[in-house]
PDB file of N, CA and C in Angstrom:
ATOM      1  N   MET A   1      73.223  85.943  23.890  1.00  0.00           N
ATOM      2  CA  MET A   1      72.844  85.231  22.684  1.00  0.00           C
ATOM      3  C   MET A   1      73.073  86.109  21.456  1.00  0.00           C
ATOM      4  N   CYS A   2      72.960  87.416  21.663  1.00  0.00           N
ATOM      5  CA  CYS A   2      73.210  88.367  20.577  1.00  0.00           C
ATOM      6  C   CYS A   2      74.615  88.167  20.013  1.00  0.00           C
ATOM      7  N   SER A   3      75.572  87.850  20.878  1.00  0.00           N
ATOM      8  CA  SER A   3      76.952  87.650  20.424  1.00  0.00           C
ATOM      9  C   SER A   3      77.062  86.447  19.495  1.00  0.00           C
ATOM     10  N   GLY A   4      76.317  85.404  19.758  1.00  0.00           N
ATOM     11  CA  GLY A   4      76.349  84.220  18.914  1.00  0.00           C
ATOM     12  C   GLY A   4      75.729  84.437  17.552  1.00  0.00           C
ATOM     13  N   LEU A   5      74.869  85.440  17.454  1.00  0.00           N
ATOM     14  CA  LEU A   5      74.209  85.740  16.182  1.00  0.00           C
ATOM     15  C   LEU A   5      74.901  86.862  15.408  1.00  0.00           C
ATOM     16  N   ALA A   6      75.963  87.424  15.968  1.00  0.00           N
ATOM     17  CA  ALA A   6      76.643  88.561  15.347  1.00  0.00           C
ATOM     18  C   ALA A   6      77.291  88.156  14.023  1.00  0.00           C
ATOM     19  N   PRO A   7      76.935  88.834  12.929  1.00  0.00           N
ATOM     20  CA  PRO A   7      77.487  88.466  11.623  1.00  0.00           C
ATOM     21  C   PRO A   7      78.864  89.085  11.350  1.00  0.00           C
ATOM     22  N   THR A   8      79.222  90.143  12.075  1.00  0.00           N
ATOM     23  CA  THR A   8      80.501  90.825  11.849  1.00  0.00           C
ATOM     24  C   THR A   8      81.186  91.091  13.181  1.00  0.00           C
ATOM     25  N   PHE A   9      82.466  91.428  13.097  1.00  0.00           N
ATOM     26  CA  PHE A   9      83.209  91.764  14.313  1.00  0.00           C
ATOM     27  C   PHE A   9      82.615  92.999  14.983  1.00  0.00           C
ATOM     28  N   THR A  10      82.182  93.980  14.210  1.00  0.00           N
ATOM     29  CA  THR A  10      81.590  95.188  14.783  1.00  0.00           C
ATOM     30  C   THR A  10      80.333  94.849  15.574  1.00  0.00           C
ATOM     31  N   ALA A  11      79.490  93.992  15.035  1.00  0.00           N
ATOM     32  CA  ALA A  11      78.276  93.580  15.746  1.00  0.00           C
ATOM     33  C   ALA A  11      78.636  92.816  17.014  1.00  0.00           C
ATOM     34  N   LEU A  12      79.641  91.954  16.949  1.00  0.00           N
ATOM     35  CA  LEU A  12      80.089  91.229  18.134  1.00  0.00           C
ATOM     36  C   LEU A  12      80.621  92.206  19.186  1.00  0.00           C
ATOM     37  N   PHE A  13      81.380  93.185  18.753  1.00  0.00           N
ATOM     38  CA  PHE A  13      81.933  94.198  19.659  1.00  0.00           C
ATOM     39  C   PHE A  13      80.814  94.963  20.370  1.00  0.00           C
ATOM     40  N   VAL A  14      79.789  95.352  19.633  1.00  0.00           N
ATOM     41  CA  VAL A  14      78.658  96.082  20.214  1.00  0.00           C
ATOM     42  C   VAL A  14      77.899  95.191  21.207  1.00  0.00           C
ATOM     43  N   CYS A  15      77.640  93.952  20.822  1.00  0.00           N
ATOM     44  CA  CYS A  15      76.928  93.024  21.719  1.00  0.00           C
ATOM     45  C   CYS A  15      77.698  92.812  23.013  1.00  0.00           C
ATOM     46  N   ARG A  16      78.994  92.574  22.912  1.00  0.00           N
ATOM     47  CA  ARG A  16      79.797  92.338  24.114  1.00  0.00           C
ATOM     48  C   ARG A  16      79.870  93.607  24.964  1.00  0.00           C
ATOM     49  N   GLY A  17      79.912  94.755  24.325  1.00  0.00           N
ATOM     50  CA  GLY A  17      79.911  96.018  25.073  1.00  0.00           C
ATOM     51  C   GLY A  17      78.627  96.209  25.857  1.00  0.00           C
ATOM     52  N   LEU A  18      77.502  95.881  25.249  1.00  0.00           N
ATOM     53  CA  LEU A  18      76.219  95.997  25.944  1.00  0.00           C
ATOM     54  C   LEU A  18      76.132  95.013  27.112  1.00  0.00           C
ATOM     55  N   VAL A  19      76.656  93.818  26.926  1.00  0.00           N
ATOM     56  CA  VAL A  19      76.695  92.850  28.027  1.00  0.00           C
ATOM     57  C   VAL A  19      77.553  93.400  29.165  1.00  0.00           C
ATOM     58  N   GLY A  20      78.677  93.983  28.830  1.00  0.00           N
ATOM     59  CA  GLY A  20      79.560  94.558  29.846  1.00  0.00           C
ATOM     60  C   GLY A  20      78.891  95.672  30.635  1.00  0.00           C
ATOM     61  N   ILE A  21      78.162  96.529  29.959  1.00  0.00           N
ATOM     62  CA  ILE A  21      77.442  97.612  30.643  1.00  0.00           C
ATOM     63  C   ILE A  21      76.389  97.035  31.584  1.00  0.00           C
ATOM     64  N   GLY A  22      75.643  96.043  31.099  1.00  0.00           N
ATOM     65  CA  GLY A  22      74.623  95.416  31.932  1.00  0.00           C
ATOM     66  C   GLY A  22      75.215  94.718  33.144  1.00  0.00           C
ATOM     67  N   GLU A  23      76.287  93.972  32.934  1.00  0.00           N
ATOM     68  CA  GLU A  23      76.927  93.256  34.047  1.00  0.00           C
ATOM     69  C   GLU A  23      77.477  94.234  35.078  1.00  0.00           C
ATOM     70  N   ALA A  24      78.102  95.305  34.621  1.00  0.00           N
ATOM     71  CA  ALA A  24      78.681  96.273  35.555  1.00  0.00           C
ATOM     72  C   ALA A  24      77.601  96.937  36.396  1.00  0.00           C
ATOM     73  N   SER A  25      76.477  97.246  35.798  1.00  0.00           N
ATOM     74  CA  SER A  25      75.419  97.914  36.550  1.00  0.00           C
ATOM     75  C   SER A  25      74.749  96.966  37.541  1.00  0.00           C
ATOM     76  N   VAL A  26      74.633  95.688  37.201  1.00  0.00           N
ATOM     77  CA  VAL A  26      74.003  94.726  38.107  1.00  0.00           C
ATOM     78  C   VAL A  26      74.911  94.418  39.281  1.00  0.00           C
ATOM     79  N   ARG A  27      76.174  94.183  39.019  1.00  0.00           N
ATOM     80  CA  ARG A  27      77.098  93.810  40.091  1.00  0.00           C
ATOM     81  C   ARG A  27      77.333  94.938  41.070  1.00  0.00           C
ATOM     82  N   ALA A  28      77.316  96.162  40.609  1.00  0.00           N
ATOM     83  CA  ALA A  28      77.579  97.287  41.501  1.00  0.00           C
ATOM     84  C   ALA A  28      76.497  97.444  42.557  1.00  0.00           C
ATOM     85  N   GLY A  29      75.244  97.260  42.199  1.00  0.00           N
ATOM     86  CA  GLY A  29      74.153  97.456  43.140  1.00  0.00           C
ATOM     87  C   GLY A  29      73.647  96.195  43.802  1.00  0.00           C
ATOM     88  N   SER A  30      74.150  95.053  43.385  1.00  0.00           N
ATOM     89  CA  SER A  30      73.613  93.777  43.838  1.00  0.00           C
ATOM     90  C   SER A  30      73.631  93.572  45.354  1.00  0.00           C
ATOM     91  N   PRO A  31      74.739  93.769  46.060  1.00  0.00           N
ATOM     92  CA  PRO A  31      74.716  93.532  47.509  1.00  0.00           C
ATOM     93  C   PRO A  31      73.713  94.416  48.254  1.00  0.00           C
ATOM     94  N   GLY A  32      73.614  95.657  47.853  1.00  0.00           N
ATOM     95  CA  GLY A  32      72.657  96.562  48.492  1.00  0.00           C
ATOM     96  C   GLY A  32      71.217  96.167  48.200  1.00  0.00           C
ATOM     97  N   ASP A  33      70.959  95.768  46.976  1.00  0.00           N
ATOM     98  CA  ASP A  33      69.611  95.327  46.612  1.00  0.00           C
ATOM     99  C   ASP A  33      69.221  94.067  47.359  1.00  0.00           C
ATOM    100  N   ASP A  34      70.177  93.160  47.533  1.00  0.00           N
ATOM    101  CA  ASP A  34      69.897  91.931  48.288  1.00  0.00           C
ATOM    102  C   ASP A  34      69.495  92.273  49.713  1.00  0.00           C
ATOM    103  N   SER A  35      70.221  93.175  50.328  1.00  0.00           N
ATOM    104  CA  SER A  35      69.918  93.557  51.712  1.00  0.00           C
ATOM    105  C   SER A  35      68.559  94.238  51.820  1.00  0.00           C
ATOM    106  N   ASP A  36      68.199  95.024  50.820  1.00  0.00           N
ATOM    107  CA  ASP A  36      66.920  95.727  50.840  1.00  0.00           C
ATOM    108  C   ASP A  36      65.744  94.808  50.523  1.00  0.00           C
ATOM    109  N   SER A  37      66.009  93.728  49.798  1.00  0.00           N
ATOM    110  CA  SER A  37      64.934  92.865  49.318  1.00  0.00           C
ATOM    111  C   SER A  37      64.533  91.762  50.285  1.00  0.00           C
ATOM    112  N   PHE A  38      65.378  91.451  51.242  1.00  0.00           N
ATOM    113  CA  PHE A  38      65.105  90.327  52.128  1.00  0.00           C
ATOM    114  C   PHE A  38      64.995  90.791  53.569  1.00  0.00           C
ATOM    115  N   PRO A  39      64.138  90.156  54.373  1.00  0.00           N
ATOM    116  CA  PRO A  39      64.047  90.504  55.787  1.00  0.00           C
ATOM    117  C   PRO A  39      65.339  90.123  56.525  1.00  0.00           C
ATOM    118  N   LEU A  40      65.565  90.743  57.669  1.00  0.00           N
ATOM    119  CA  LEU A  40      66.794  90.491  58.416  1.00  0.00           C
ATOM    120  C   LEU A  40      66.976  89.021  58.786  1.00  0.00           C
ATOM    121  N   SER A  41      65.879  88.281  58.972  1.00  0.00           N
ATOM    122  CA  SER A  41      66.003  86.871  59.339  1.00  0.00           C
ATOM    123  C   SER A  41      66.602  86.031  58.210  1.00  0.00           C
ATOM    124  N   ILE A  42      66.487  86.496  56.978  1.00  0.00           N
ATOM    125  CA  ILE A  42      67.001  85.755  55.827  1.00  0.00           C
ATOM    126  C   ILE A  42      68.325  86.342  55.336  1.00  0.00           C
ATOM    127  N   GLU A  43      68.617  87.562  55.727  1.00  0.00           N
ATOM    128  CA  GLU A  43      69.776  88.266  55.182  1.00  0.00           C
ATOM    129  C   GLU A  43      71.095  87.490  55.266  1.00  0.00           C
ATOM    130  N   PRO A  44      71.365  86.733  56.342  1.00  0.00           N
ATOM    131  CA  PRO A  44      72.634  85.981  56.341  1.00  0.00           C
ATOM    132  C   PRO A  44      72.757  85.003  55.171  1.00  0.00           C
ATOM    133  N   HIS A  45      71.656  84.613  54.588  1.00  0.00           N
ATOM    134  CA  HIS A  45      71.685  83.663  53.473  1.00  0.00           C
ATOM    135  C   HIS A  45      71.859  84.329  52.113  1.00  0.00           C
ATOM    136  N   THR A  46      71.884  85.649  52.064  1.00  0.00           N
ATOM    137  CA  THR A  46      72.052  86.326  50.775  1.00  0.00           C
ATOM    138  C   THR A  46      73.436  86.076  50.189  1.00  0.00           C
ATOM    139  N   GLY A  47      74.360  85.624  51.006  1.00  0.00           N
ATOM    140  CA  GLY A  47      75.673  85.241  50.482  1.00  0.00           C
ATOM    141  C   GLY A  47      75.553  84.111  49.478  1.00  0.00           C
ATOM    142  N   ASN A  48      74.526  83.285  49.637  1.00  0.00           N
ATOM    143  CA  ASN A  48      74.294  82.210  48.667  1.00  0.00           C
ATOM    144  C   ASN A  48      74.017  82.781  47.283  1.00  0.00           C
ATOM    145  N   LEU A  49      73.331  83.918  47.225  1.00  0.00           N
ATOM    146  CA  LEU A  49      73.065  84.557  45.934  1.00  0.00           C
ATOM    147  C   LEU A  49      74.370  84.994  45.278  1.00  0.00           C
ATOM    148  N   ARG A  50      75.239  85.603  46.066  1.00  0.00           N
ATOM    149  CA  ARG A  50      76.519  86.055  45.518  1.00  0.00           C
ATOM    150  C   ARG A  50      77.399  84.868  45.127  1.00  0.00           C
ATOM    151  N   PHE A  51      77.354  83.800  45.931  1.00  0.00           N
ATOM    152  CA  PHE A  51      78.115  82.606  45.577  1.00  0.00           C
ATOM    153  C   PHE A  51      77.586  82.011  44.265  1.00  0.00           C
ATOM    154  N   GLY A  52      76.271  81.941  44.145  1.00  0.00           N
ATOM    155  CA  GLY A  52      75.669  81.397  42.928  1.00  0.00           C
ATOM    156  C   GLY A  52      76.046  82.204  41.706  1.00  0.00           C
ATOM    157  N   ASN A  53      76.094  83.527  41.861  1.00  0.00           N
ATOM    158  CA  ASN A  53      76.489  84.393  40.752  1.00  0.00           C
ATOM    159  C   ASN A  53      77.925  84.095  40.345  1.00  0.00           C
ATOM    160  N   ALA A  54      78.820  84.043  41.323  1.00  0.00           N
ATOM    161  CA  ALA A  54      80.233  83.781  41.018  1.00  0.00           C
ATOM    162  C   ALA A  54      80.431  82.387  40.435  1.00  0.00           C
ATOM    163  N   ALA A  55      79.759  81.393  41.012  1.00  0.00           N
ATOM    164  CA  ALA A  55      79.886  80.022  40.508  1.00  0.00           C
ATOM    165  C   ALA A  55      79.333  79.915  39.087  1.00  0.00           C
ATOM    166  N   GLY A  56      78.215  80.588  38.833  1.00  0.00           N
ATOM    167  CA  GLY A  56      77.628  80.572  37.493  1.00  0.00           C
ATOM    168  C   GLY A  56      78.528  81.210  36.459  1.00  0.00           C
ATOM    169  N   ARG A  57      79.172  82.313  36.823  1.00  0.00           N
ATOM    170  CA  ARG A  57      80.100  82.959  35.890  1.00  0.00           C
ATOM    171  C   ARG A  57      81.265  82.037  35.550  1.00  0.00           C
ATOM    172  N   ARG A  58      81.810  81.404  36.560  1.00  0.00           N
ATOM    173  CA  ARG A  58      82.944  80.511  36.320  1.00  0.00           C
ATOM    174  C   ARG A  58      82.526  79.272  35.513  1.00  0.00           C
ATOM    175  N   ALA A  59      81.379  78.716  35.842  1.00  0.00           N
ATOM    176  CA  ALA A  59      80.891  77.553  35.091  1.00  0.00           C
ATOM    177  C   ALA A  59      80.608  77.947  33.639  1.00  0.00           C
ATOM    178  N   GLY A  60      80.051  79.138  33.443  1.00  0.00           N
ATOM    179  CA  GLY A  60      79.782  79.616  32.086  1.00  0.00           C
ATOM    180  C   GLY A  60      81.059  79.770  31.272  1.00  0.00           C
ATOM    181  N   LEU A  61      82.108  80.281  31.915  1.00  0.00           N
ATOM    182  CA  LEU A  61      83.383  80.411  31.213  1.00  0.00           C
ATOM    183  C   LEU A  61      83.945  79.040  30.844  1.00  0.00           C
ATOM    184  N   ALA A  62      83.912  78.127  31.804  1.00  0.00           N
ATOM    185  CA  ALA A  62      84.459  76.789  31.547  1.00  0.00           C
ATOM    186  C   ALA A  62      83.643  76.060  30.479  1.00  0.00           C
ATOM    187  N   LEU A  63      82.324  76.035  30.652  1.00  0.00           N
ATOM    188  CA  LEU A  63      81.478  75.345  29.677  1.00  0.00           C
ATOM    189  C   LEU A  63      81.512  76.032  28.317  1.00  0.00           C
ATOM    190  N   GLY A  64      81.547  77.352  28.346  1.00  0.00           N
ATOM    191  CA  GLY A  64      81.630  78.091  27.090  1.00  0.00           C
ATOM    192  C   GLY A  64      82.918  77.781  26.338  1.00  0.00           C
ATOM    193  N   GLY A  65      84.014  77.658  27.084  1.00  0.00           N
ATOM    194  CA  GLY A  65      85.290  77.311  26.457  1.00  0.00           C
ATOM    195  C   GLY A  65      85.269  75.920  25.850  1.00  0.00           C
ATOM    196  N   ILE A  66      84.695  74.981  26.588  1.00  0.00           N
ATOM    197  CA  ILE A  66      84.611  73.607  26.084  1.00  0.00           C
ATOM    198  C   ILE A  66      83.723  73.550  24.842  1.00  0.00           C
ATOM    199  N   MET A  67      82.549  74.182  24.923  1.00  0.00           N
ATOM    200  CA  MET A  67      81.637  74.166  23.771  1.00  0.00           C
ATOM    201  C   MET A  67      82.232  74.913  22.586  1.00  0.00           C
ATOM    202  N   GLY A  68      82.902  76.031  22.867  1.00  0.00           N
ATOM    203  CA  GLY A  68      83.524  76.793  21.792  1.00  0.00           C
ATOM    204  C   GLY A  68      84.602  76.002  21.082  1.00  0.00           C
ATOM    205  N   GLU A  69      85.363  75.244  21.853  1.00  0.00           N
ATOM    206  CA  GLU A  69      86.417  74.413  21.280  1.00  0.00           C
ATOM    207  C   GLU A  69      85.839  73.315  20.381  1.00  0.00           C
ATOM    208  N   ARG A  70      84.748  72.725  20.824  1.00  0.00           N
ATOM    209  CA  ARG A  70      84.163  71.601  20.089  1.00  0.00           C
ATOM    210  C   ARG A  70      83.246  72.021  18.945  1.00  0.00           C
ATOM    211  N   HIS A  71      82.473  73.100  19.135  1.00  0.00           N
ATOM    212  CA  HIS A  71      81.426  73.439  18.170  1.00  0.00           C
ATOM    213  C   HIS A  71      81.548  74.830  17.554  1.00  0.00           C
ATOM    214  N   GLY A  72      82.454  75.656  18.030  1.00  0.00           N
ATOM    215  CA  GLY A  72      82.599  77.007  17.507  1.00  0.00           C
ATOM    216  C   GLY A  72      82.108  78.051  18.505  1.00  0.00           C
ATOM    217  N   TRP A  73      82.665  79.228  18.420  1.00  0.00           N
ATOM    218  CA  TRP A  73      82.370  80.261  19.407  1.00  0.00           C
ATOM    219  C   TRP A  73      80.925  80.730  19.355  1.00  0.00           C
ATOM    220  N   GLN A  74      80.283  80.736  18.172  1.00  0.00           N
ATOM    221  CA  GLN A  74      78.893  81.181  18.089  1.00  0.00           C
ATOM    222  C   GLN A  74      77.978  80.256  18.896  1.00  0.00           C
ATOM    223  N   TYR A  75      78.190  78.974  18.769  1.00  0.00           N
ATOM    224  CA  TYR A  75      77.393  77.983  19.496  1.00  0.00           C
ATOM    225  C   TYR A  75      77.532  78.193  21.005  1.00  0.00           C
ATOM    226  N   ALA A  76      78.755  78.444  21.452  1.00  0.00           N
ATOM    227  CA  ALA A  76      78.989  78.658  22.887  1.00  0.00           C
ATOM    228  C   ALA A  76      78.184  79.855  23.402  1.00  0.00           C
ATOM    229  N   PHE A  77      78.201  80.963  22.675  1.00  0.00           N
ATOM    230  CA  PHE A  77      77.428  82.141  23.097  1.00  0.00           C
ATOM    231  C   PHE A  77      75.927  81.844  23.107  1.00  0.00           C
ATOM    232  N   LEU A  78      75.448  81.123  22.119  1.00  0.00           N
ATOM    233  CA  LEU A  78      74.016  80.830  22.039  1.00  0.00           C
ATOM    234  C   LEU A  78      73.559  79.939  23.198  1.00  0.00           C
ATOM    235  N   ILE A  79      74.282  78.873  23.477  1.00  0.00           N
ATOM    236  CA  ILE A  79      73.877  77.942  24.526  1.00  0.00           C
ATOM    237  C   ILE A  79      74.010  78.571  25.912  1.00  0.00           C
ATOM    238  N   VAL A  80      75.146  79.193  26.202  1.00  0.00           N
ATOM    239  CA  VAL A  80      75.323  79.812  27.521  1.00  0.00           C
ATOM    240  C   VAL A  80      74.316  80.953  27.705  1.00  0.00           C
ATOM    241  N   GLY A  81      74.023  81.685  26.644  1.00  0.00           N
ATOM    242  CA  GLY A  81      73.007  82.735  26.726  1.00  0.00           C
ATOM    243  C   GLY A  81      71.619  82.179  26.981  1.00  0.00           C
ATOM    244  N   ALA A  82      71.295  81.072  26.331  1.00  0.00           N
ATOM    245  CA  ALA A  82      69.985  80.436  26.540  1.00  0.00           C
ATOM    246  C   ALA A  82      69.846  79.944  27.980  1.00  0.00           C
ATOM    247  N   ILE A  83      70.906  79.374  28.521  1.00  0.00           N
ATOM    248  CA  ILE A  83      70.872  78.920  29.910  1.00  0.00           C
ATOM    249  C   ILE A  83      70.669  80.107  30.848  1.00  0.00           C
ATOM    250  N   GLY A  84      71.245  81.240  30.515  1.00  0.00           N
ATOM    251  CA  GLY A  84      71.091  82.437  31.342  1.00  0.00           C
ATOM    252  C   GLY A  84      69.688  83.020  31.333  1.00  0.00           C
ATOM    253  N   ILE A  85      68.897  82.677  30.331  1.00  0.00           N
ATOM    254  CA  ILE A  85      67.528  83.182  30.249  1.00  0.00           C
ATOM    255  C   ILE A  85      66.591  82.395  31.166  1.00  0.00           C
ATOM    256  N   ILE A  86      66.918  81.168  31.474  1.00  0.00           N
ATOM    257  CA  ILE A  86      66.043  80.313  32.285  1.00  0.00           C
ATOM    258  C   ILE A  86      65.632  80.980  33.599  1.00  0.00           C
ATOM    259  N   PRO A  87      66.557  81.574  34.369  1.00  0.00           N
ATOM    260  CA  PRO A  87      66.119  82.209  35.625  1.00  0.00           C
ATOM    261  C   PRO A  87      65.131  83.363  35.417  1.00  0.00           C
ATOM    262  N   VAL A  88      65.191  84.022  34.280  1.00  0.00           N
ATOM    263  CA  VAL A  88      64.255  85.123  34.019  1.00  0.00           C
ATOM    264  C   VAL A  88      62.832  84.600  33.972  1.00  0.00           C
ATOM    265  N   PHE A  89      62.613  83.520  33.271  1.00  0.00           N
ATOM    266  CA  PHE A  89      61.277  82.938  33.186  1.00  0.00           C
ATOM    267  C   PHE A  89      60.836  82.368  34.530  1.00  0.00           C
ATOM    268  N   ARG A  90      61.764  81.838  35.262  1.00  0.00           N
ATOM    269  CA  ARG A  90      61.448  81.271  36.564  1.00  0.00           C
ATOM    270  C   ARG A  90      61.040  82.355  37.559  1.00  0.00           C
ATOM    271  N   LEU A  91      61.718  83.505  37.509  1.00  0.00           N
ATOM    272  CA  LEU A  91      61.411  84.603  38.416  1.00  0.00           C
ATOM    273  C   LEU A  91      60.089  85.271  38.065  1.00  0.00           C
ATOM    274  N   SER A  92      59.718  85.261  36.780  1.00  0.00           N
ATOM    275  CA  SER A  92      58.506  85.958  36.371  1.00  0.00           C
ATOM    276  C   SER A  92      57.238  85.163  36.669  1.00  0.00           C
ATOM    277  N   SER A  93      57.359  83.881  36.963  1.00  0.00           N
ATOM    278  CA  SER A  93      56.155  83.092  37.226  1.00  0.00           C
ATOM    279  C   SER A  93      55.783  83.062  38.695  1.00  0.00           C
TER     280      SER A  93
END
């Protein structure tokens, strides 16, 4: 969402860089964390988590492109970012 609020190219560059750092750190440890977080009886289903991540990324790109085309790139970042926050609130409850 920070990218959608960026007033200058430099601010957009910094926001996208921070997203890249966060994404790289999450994806690198994700399979190991999944295995450590779930009991062996559930572990075969952790592939669903990885599938959901990949499907969400692709859907975000497609929807972001459509929204960006129709409403502008800032709107696309704001909406896709807001949708990405929903799981955070769901996990914390």
